[in-house]
Every structure is written in structure tokens, then in C-alpha cells.
Amino acid sequence: MADNKEKDIEYYLNLPWTLVEGEDLDFEGNPYCYVEIEELPSFTFTAKTIEKARENYKNQLRMTLQVMLEFGDEIPEPLKTDC
């Protein structure tokens, strides 16, 4: 396994993250959909439809991971393995 210095943004973007999808209402009662990543509790991406959320969450994930890498934050990795 690569050490942390060899793990770049592309490494993290291609991990098998555990996505949690759902729907909720905003403070004004308007519906929205979201994608969360179980391993990154502070990560949530919202959109008007679940399809748009699925299509676009990776852009926000890229920005989140870039900031975490720049600040030297620990990035937890998914524990799933392919069997």
C-alpha cells in the first residue's frame, strides 16, 4: 500500500466510497436530494434531483479532498474490499 505522500487527489477520488442518498426538506419546506459519503461525515452534496446529485457530487468531493490534503488532514478510507 502507498504511504500518504504517494496518495494524491486521483487516488482518493477513485476509492469505493460508501454513498448515502436521500431526500429532505429545506427550511422553507422545499424538497431537495442529497448524497453523503459515510467515511467523510462533513461531506454532503445537495441538488434538486437525485440524478443531479449523483452526477455532480464528485466536483465537491474533489474540492473537499484538496483542502484536506493541503491542510494535512487525515482522510479516512473505505474499509470495503472486493470479494
Protein backbone atom coordinates (compact mmCIF):
# COMPACT_ATOMS: atom_id res chain seq x y z
CA MET A 1 0.00 0.00 0.00
CA ALA A 2 1.25 3.50 -0.82
CA ASP A 3 2.26 5.79 2.01
CA ASN A 4 0.43 9.09 2.49
CA LYS A 5 2.96 11.07 0.41
CA GLU A 6 2.10 8.96 -2.66
CA LYS A 7 -1.67 9.29 -2.25
CA ASP A 8 -2.83 12.13 -4.44
CA ILE A 9 -6.23 13.54 -5.29
CA GLU A 10 -6.85 10.95 -8.03
CA TYR A 11 -6.10 8.11 -5.61
CA TYR A 12 -8.76 9.37 -3.20
CA LEU A 13 -11.33 10.21 -5.89
CA ASN A 14 -11.22 6.64 -7.15
CA LEU A 15 -11.78 4.91 -3.80
CA PRO A 16 -15.03 2.96 -3.40
CA TRP A 17 -16.70 5.50 -1.11
CA THR A 18 -19.90 4.48 0.68
CA LEU A 19 -22.60 6.80 -0.70
CA VAL A 20 -25.72 7.58 1.31
CA GLU A 21 -28.53 9.09 -0.75
CA GLY A 22 -31.76 10.62 0.41
CA GLU A 23 -34.36 13.34 0.22
CA ASP A 24 -35.28 16.03 2.71
CA LEU A 25 -36.94 19.42 3.00
CA ASP A 26 -35.10 22.73 3.39
CA PHE A 27 -36.08 25.34 5.99
CA GLU A 28 -38.77 26.68 3.68
CA GLY A 29 -40.29 23.24 3.05
CA ASN A 30 -38.83 22.78 -0.42
CA PRO A 31 -37.66 19.26 -1.29
CA TYR A 32 -34.05 18.51 -2.19
CA CYS A 33 -31.93 15.40 -2.67
CA TYR A 34 -28.52 14.69 -1.21
CA VAL A 35 -25.50 12.46 -1.48
CA GLU A 36 -23.35 11.95 1.60
CA ILE A 37 -20.18 9.94 1.99
CA GLU A 38 -20.26 7.73 5.06
CA GLU A 39 -16.49 7.87 5.59
CA LEU A 40 -16.45 11.70 5.43
CA PRO A 41 -19.09 12.86 7.94
CA SER A 42 -18.75 16.52 6.97
CA PHE A 43 -19.43 15.84 3.27
CA THR A 44 -22.90 16.41 1.81
CA PHE A 45 -23.84 17.44 -1.71
CA THR A 46 -27.37 18.61 -2.49
CA ALA A 47 -29.33 19.08 -5.71
CA LYS A 48 -32.92 19.32 -6.87
CA THR A 49 -32.92 15.71 -8.10
CA ILE A 50 -31.03 12.60 -7.04
CA GLU A 51 -29.80 12.21 -10.61
CA LYS A 52 -28.16 15.66 -10.50
CA ALA A 53 -26.69 14.93 -7.07
CA ARG A 54 -25.18 11.67 -8.38
CA GLU A 55 -23.81 13.41 -11.49
CA ASN A 56 -22.19 16.30 -9.66
CA TYR A 57 -21.08 15.29 -6.15
CA LYS A 58 -17.57 14.38 -7.34
CA ASN A 59 -16.76 18.03 -8.10
CA GLN A 60 -17.41 18.94 -4.47
CA LEU A 61 -15.61 15.80 -3.32
CA ARG A 62 -12.54 16.88 -5.31
CA MET A 63 -12.55 20.32 -3.60
CA THR A 64 -13.08 18.78 -0.16
CA LEU A 65 -10.22 16.33 -0.64
CA GLN A 66 -7.90 19.05 -2.00
CA VAL A 67 -8.45 21.14 1.14
CA MET A 68 -7.93 18.12 3.38
CA LEU A 69 -4.69 17.26 1.58
CA GLU A 70 -3.44 20.86 1.73
CA PHE A 71 -4.06 21.03 5.48
CA GLY A 72 -2.62 17.58 6.10
CA ASP A 73 -5.90 16.27 7.47
CA GLU A 74 -6.27 12.53 7.81
CA ILE A 75 -8.53 11.17 5.09
CA PRO A 76 -10.31 8.02 6.21
CA GLU A 77 -10.53 5.37 3.53
CA PRO A 78 -13.41 2.98 2.89
CA LEU A 79 -12.96 -0.39 4.55
CA LYS A 80 -14.79 -2.30 1.80
CA THR A 81 -12.89 -4.93 -0.10
CA ASP A 82 -13.94 -6.70 -3.26
CA CYS A 83 -14.52 -10.41 -2.67
